[in-house]
Amino acid sequence: MNAKGRHITLDYTGFSGDGEWILSVLRAAVSRSAAREVHAHVEEFDGKVSPLGFAAVVLIDESHVSAHCYAEEGILAVDCFTCGEVDPVDIADDIHTQLFKAVP
């Protein structure tokens, strides 16, 4: 079987932040890459049906960049997947840099 894409995941603990801000981080990383954004959305979860937190996604023409936050546990899971010429490592590195610039 031939793999089509490349997948990078980043996992953070001790995270506290909101979905709109993370979506802006993801979108900024995508815009600085050679990927083309197709759609972006964040969904906040109030903890009643789904765990408290959010899911954010930037759909790109060759796959996606997403983040899921489990607020009560302080977990942020980021997923960068590309199936074309764009290297997901570059997007992941950009996201990581932005997250650490925000830490006081």
N, C-alpha and C. Protein backbone atom coordinates (compact mmCIF):
# COMPACT_ATOMS: atom_id res chain seq x y z
N MET A 1 0.84 -1.17 0.00
CA MET A 1 0.00 0.00 0.00
C MET A 1 0.89 1.25 0.00
N ASN A 2 0.59 2.19 -0.85
CA ASN A 2 1.34 3.44 -0.92
C ASN A 2 0.62 4.51 -0.11
N ALA A 3 1.33 5.10 0.82
CA ALA A 3 0.75 6.19 1.61
C ALA A 3 0.71 7.45 0.74
N LYS A 4 -0.37 8.15 0.79
CA LYS A 4 -0.53 9.35 -0.01
C LYS A 4 -0.04 10.59 0.73
N GLY A 5 -0.31 10.67 2.01
CA GLY A 5 -0.03 11.90 2.75
C GLY A 5 1.00 11.74 3.84
N ARG A 6 1.28 12.90 4.45
CA ARG A 6 2.19 12.95 5.59
C ARG A 6 1.44 13.58 6.76
N HIS A 7 1.68 13.04 7.93
CA HIS A 7 0.89 13.38 9.10
C HIS A 7 1.82 13.75 10.26
N ILE A 8 1.60 14.92 10.86
CA ILE A 8 2.35 15.35 12.03
C ILE A 8 1.35 15.67 13.13
N THR A 9 1.59 15.16 14.33
CA THR A 9 0.72 15.49 15.46
C THR A 9 1.56 16.16 16.55
N LEU A 10 0.92 17.09 17.24
CA LEU A 10 1.52 17.79 18.37
C LEU A 10 0.56 17.67 19.54
N ASP A 11 1.07 17.29 20.69
CA ASP A 11 0.24 17.17 21.89
C ASP A 11 0.81 18.07 22.98
N TYR A 12 -0.06 18.87 23.59
CA TYR A 12 0.34 19.80 24.64
C TYR A 12 -0.47 19.54 25.89
N THR A 13 0.16 19.72 27.03
CA THR A 13 -0.54 19.65 28.31
C THR A 13 -0.42 21.00 28.99
N GLY A 14 -1.28 21.24 29.97
CA GLY A 14 -1.26 22.52 30.66
C GLY A 14 -1.82 23.64 29.82
N PHE A 15 -2.62 23.30 28.80
CA PHE A 15 -3.16 24.30 27.88
C PHE A 15 -4.40 24.96 28.46
N SER A 16 -4.46 26.27 28.31
CA SER A 16 -5.70 27.01 28.59
C SER A 16 -5.80 28.10 27.54
N GLY A 17 -6.82 28.04 26.76
CA GLY A 17 -7.01 29.01 25.68
C GLY A 17 -8.35 28.77 25.03
N ASP A 18 -8.72 29.70 24.16
CA ASP A 18 -10.04 29.54 23.53
C ASP A 18 -9.91 29.13 22.07
N GLY A 19 -11.00 28.60 21.56
CA GLY A 19 -11.03 28.07 20.21
C GLY A 19 -10.79 29.08 19.12
N GLU A 20 -11.34 30.28 19.28
CA GLU A 20 -11.15 31.31 18.25
C GLU A 20 -9.68 31.69 18.11
N TRP A 21 -8.98 31.77 19.25
CA TRP A 21 -7.55 32.11 19.20
C TRP A 21 -6.76 30.99 18.51
N ILE A 22 -7.04 29.74 18.88
CA ILE A 22 -6.34 28.63 18.23
C ILE A 22 -6.65 28.59 16.75
N LEU A 23 -7.90 28.83 16.37
CA LEU A 23 -8.24 28.86 14.95
C LEU A 23 -7.41 29.92 14.23
N SER A 24 -7.21 31.07 14.86
CA SER A 24 -6.39 32.11 14.23
C SER A 24 -4.93 31.66 14.10
N VAL A 25 -4.44 30.90 15.07
CA VAL A 25 -3.08 30.35 15.00
C VAL A 25 -2.97 29.37 13.83
N LEU A 26 -3.93 28.47 13.71
CA LEU A 26 -3.92 27.50 12.61
C LEU A 26 -3.98 28.20 11.26
N ARG A 27 -4.89 29.17 11.14
CA ARG A 27 -5.05 29.89 9.87
C ARG A 27 -3.79 30.66 9.50
N ALA A 28 -3.14 31.27 10.48
CA ALA A 28 -1.91 32.01 10.21
C ALA A 28 -0.81 31.06 9.71
N ALA A 29 -0.70 29.90 10.33
CA ALA A 29 0.31 28.92 9.89
C ALA A 29 0.04 28.44 8.47
N VAL A 30 -1.21 28.19 8.18
CA VAL A 30 -1.58 27.76 6.82
C VAL A 30 -1.29 28.87 5.82
N SER A 31 -1.63 30.10 6.17
CA SER A 31 -1.43 31.22 5.22
C SER A 31 0.05 31.47 4.94
N ARG A 32 0.92 31.15 5.88
CA ARG A 32 2.36 31.32 5.66
C ARG A 32 2.97 30.14 4.91
N SER A 33 2.20 29.08 4.73
CA SER A 33 2.68 27.92 3.98
C SER A 33 2.22 28.05 2.52
N ALA A 34 2.53 27.03 1.75
CA ALA A 34 2.08 27.02 0.35
C ALA A 34 0.71 26.38 0.20
N ALA A 35 0.10 25.99 1.32
CA ALA A 35 -1.23 25.37 1.27
C ALA A 35 -2.30 26.43 1.01
N ARG A 36 -3.41 26.00 0.44
CA ARG A 36 -4.53 26.90 0.16
C ARG A 36 -5.69 26.56 1.09
N GLU A 37 -6.08 27.55 1.90
CA GLU A 37 -7.22 27.36 2.80
C GLU A 37 -8.50 27.30 1.99
N VAL A 38 -9.34 26.31 2.31
CA VAL A 38 -10.63 26.14 1.65
C VAL A 38 -11.76 26.56 2.58
N HIS A 39 -11.62 26.24 3.86
CA HIS A 39 -12.67 26.56 4.84
C HIS A 39 -12.05 26.49 6.24
N ALA A 40 -12.59 27.26 7.17
CA ALA A 40 -12.13 27.21 8.56
C ALA A 40 -13.33 27.31 9.48
N HIS A 41 -13.26 26.57 10.59
CA HIS A 41 -14.38 26.56 11.53
C HIS A 41 -13.88 26.15 12.91
N VAL A 42 -14.50 26.71 13.93
CA VAL A 42 -14.26 26.26 15.30
C VAL A 42 -15.62 25.97 15.95
N GLU A 43 -15.66 24.92 16.71
CA GLU A 43 -16.87 24.55 17.44
C GLU A 43 -16.50 24.44 18.92
N GLU A 44 -17.14 25.28 19.73
CA GLU A 44 -16.92 25.27 21.18
C GLU A 44 -17.87 24.26 21.81
N PHE A 45 -17.39 23.50 22.78
CA PHE A 45 -18.20 22.51 23.47
C PHE A 45 -18.38 22.92 24.93
N ASP A 46 -19.61 22.90 25.41
CA ASP A 46 -19.90 23.38 26.76
C ASP A 46 -19.83 22.29 27.82
N GLY A 47 -19.50 21.08 27.42
CA GLY A 47 -19.37 20.00 28.38
C GLY A 47 -20.64 19.22 28.65
N LYS A 48 -21.75 19.63 28.05
CA LYS A 48 -23.02 18.93 28.29
C LYS A 48 -23.13 17.65 27.48
N VAL A 49 -22.77 17.70 26.21
CA VAL A 49 -22.84 16.53 25.34
C VAL A 49 -21.43 16.01 25.06
N SER A 50 -20.55 16.90 24.68
CA SER A 50 -19.14 16.57 24.43
C SER A 50 -18.31 17.13 25.57
N PRO A 51 -17.09 16.63 25.75
CA PRO A 51 -16.24 17.18 26.81
C PRO A 51 -16.02 18.69 26.60
N LEU A 52 -15.90 19.42 27.70
CA LEU A 52 -15.65 20.86 27.67
C LEU A 52 -14.39 21.14 26.87
N GLY A 53 -14.48 22.06 25.93
CA GLY A 53 -13.34 22.42 25.09
C GLY A 53 -13.80 22.87 23.72
N PHE A 54 -13.02 22.53 22.70
CA PHE A 54 -13.36 22.93 21.34
C PHE A 54 -12.67 22.04 20.32
N ALA A 55 -13.15 22.13 19.10
CA ALA A 55 -12.49 21.55 17.94
C ALA A 55 -12.38 22.65 16.90
N ALA A 56 -11.20 22.81 16.33
CA ALA A 56 -10.96 23.82 15.30
C ALA A 56 -10.33 23.12 14.10
N VAL A 57 -10.75 23.53 12.91
CA VAL A 57 -10.19 22.91 11.71
C VAL A 57 -10.01 23.95 10.61
N VAL A 58 -8.91 23.81 9.90
CA VAL A 58 -8.69 24.55 8.67
C VAL A 58 -8.59 23.50 7.58
N LEU A 59 -9.58 23.48 6.72
CA LEU A 59 -9.58 22.57 5.58
C LEU A 59 -8.69 23.19 4.51
N ILE A 60 -7.72 22.43 4.04
CA ILE A 60 -6.85 22.93 2.98
C ILE A 60 -7.08 22.08 1.74
N ASP A 61 -6.63 22.59 0.60
CA ASP A 61 -6.91 21.89 -0.65
C ASP A 61 -6.27 20.51 -0.71
N GLU A 62 -5.34 20.24 0.17
CA GLU A 62 -4.73 18.92 0.16
C GLU A 62 -4.87 18.19 1.49
N SER A 63 -5.79 18.57 2.32
CA SER A 63 -6.19 17.86 3.52
C SER A 63 -6.64 18.80 4.63
N HIS A 64 -5.95 18.80 5.81
CA HIS A 64 -6.47 19.60 6.93
C HIS A 64 -5.40 19.89 7.98
N VAL A 65 -5.71 20.89 8.80
CA VAL A 65 -4.97 21.19 10.02
C VAL A 65 -6.05 21.36 11.08
N SER A 66 -5.92 20.64 12.19
CA SER A 66 -6.97 20.70 13.20
C SER A 66 -6.39 20.74 14.60
N ALA A 67 -7.23 21.16 15.55
CA ALA A 67 -6.85 21.17 16.96
C ALA A 67 -8.07 20.78 17.78
N HIS A 68 -7.85 19.98 18.79
CA HIS A 68 -8.91 19.58 19.72
C HIS A 68 -8.43 19.88 21.12
N CYS A 69 -9.27 20.55 21.89
CA CYS A 69 -8.94 20.91 23.26
C CYS A 69 -9.87 20.19 24.22
N TYR A 70 -9.28 19.57 25.22
CA TYR A 70 -10.01 18.96 26.32
C TYR A 70 -9.71 19.82 27.54
N ALA A 71 -10.53 20.87 27.73
CA ALA A 71 -10.24 21.94 28.68
C ALA A 71 -10.06 21.45 30.12
N GLU A 72 -10.89 20.54 30.57
CA GLU A 72 -10.79 20.09 31.95
C GLU A 72 -9.48 19.35 32.23
N GLU A 73 -8.88 18.80 31.19
CA GLU A 73 -7.61 18.10 31.34
C GLU A 73 -6.43 18.94 30.90
N GLY A 74 -6.69 20.13 30.32
CA GLY A 74 -5.61 20.99 29.84
C GLY A 74 -4.87 20.44 28.65
N ILE A 75 -5.55 19.64 27.84
CA ILE A 75 -4.90 18.98 26.70
C ILE A 75 -5.27 19.70 25.40
N LEU A 76 -4.27 19.93 24.56
CA LEU A 76 -4.48 20.44 23.20
C LEU A 76 -3.78 19.47 22.26
N ALA A 77 -4.54 18.91 21.33
CA ALA A 77 -3.99 17.97 20.34
C ALA A 77 -4.12 18.61 18.96
N VAL A 78 -3.00 18.76 18.28
CA VAL A 78 -2.95 19.40 16.95
C VAL A 78 -2.57 18.34 15.93
N ASP A 79 -3.21 18.41 14.77
CA ASP A 79 -3.01 17.45 13.70
C ASP A 79 -2.78 18.20 12.40
N CYS A 80 -1.66 17.94 11.75
CA CYS A 80 -1.35 18.56 10.45
C CYS A 80 -1.18 17.43 9.44
N PHE A 81 -2.05 17.40 8.44
CA PHE A 81 -2.02 16.33 7.45
C PHE A 81 -2.05 16.95 6.06
N THR A 82 -1.09 16.58 5.24
CA THR A 82 -1.06 17.07 3.85
C THR A 82 -0.82 15.89 2.92
N CYS A 83 -1.39 15.98 1.72
CA CYS A 83 -1.18 14.93 0.73
C CYS A 83 -0.59 15.44 -0.57
N GLY A 84 -0.08 16.65 -0.58
CA GLY A 84 0.51 17.20 -1.79
C GLY A 84 1.95 17.59 -1.55
N GLU A 85 2.34 18.70 -2.12
CA GLU A 85 3.71 19.17 -2.03
C GLU A 85 4.03 19.89 -0.72
N VAL A 86 3.02 20.38 -0.02
CA VAL A 86 3.24 21.13 1.22
C VAL A 86 3.70 20.17 2.32
N ASP A 87 4.77 20.56 3.01
CA ASP A 87 5.32 19.74 4.09
C ASP A 87 4.58 20.06 5.39
N PRO A 88 3.91 19.09 6.01
CA PRO A 88 3.19 19.36 7.26
C PRO A 88 4.12 19.75 8.41
N VAL A 89 5.39 19.39 8.31
CA VAL A 89 6.35 19.77 9.36
C VAL A 89 6.47 21.29 9.44
N ASP A 90 6.46 21.95 8.29
CA ASP A 90 6.56 23.41 8.29
C ASP A 90 5.36 24.05 8.98
N ILE A 91 4.17 23.54 8.71
CA ILE A 91 2.96 24.07 9.35
C ILE A 91 3.00 23.78 10.84
N ALA A 92 3.36 22.57 11.22
CA ALA A 92 3.44 22.19 12.64
C ALA A 92 4.47 23.05 13.37
N ASP A 93 5.63 23.28 12.76
CA ASP A 93 6.65 24.13 13.39
C ASP A 93 6.14 25.55 13.61
N ASP A 94 5.41 26.08 12.63
CA ASP A 94 4.84 27.42 12.74
C ASP A 94 3.84 27.48 13.89
N ILE A 95 2.96 26.50 13.98
CA ILE A 95 1.98 26.45 15.06
C ILE A 95 2.69 26.38 16.41
N HIS A 96 3.67 25.50 16.53
CA HIS A 96 4.43 25.35 17.77
C HIS A 96 5.08 26.67 18.18
N THR A 97 5.69 27.34 17.23
CA THR A 97 6.33 28.64 17.51
C THR A 97 5.31 29.65 18.00
N GLN A 98 4.15 29.73 17.33
CA GLN A 98 3.12 30.67 17.74
C GLN A 98 2.61 30.37 19.15
N LEU A 99 2.44 29.09 19.47
CA LEU A 99 1.95 28.73 20.80
C LEU A 99 2.95 29.13 21.88
N PHE A 100 4.23 28.95 21.61
CA PHE A 100 5.23 29.28 22.63
C PHE A 100 5.51 30.77 22.72
N LYS A 101 5.24 31.52 21.67
CA LYS A 101 5.33 32.98 21.77
C LYS A 101 4.26 33.52 22.69
N ALA A 102 3.13 32.82 22.78
CA ALA A 102 1.99 33.28 23.58
C ALA A 102 2.16 32.96 25.06
N VAL A 103 3.09 32.05 25.40
CA VAL A 103 3.28 31.69 26.80
C VAL A 103 4.09 32.80 27.49
N PRO A 104 3.57 33.30 28.62
CA PRO A 104 4.30 34.38 29.32
C PRO A 104 5.60 33.91 29.92
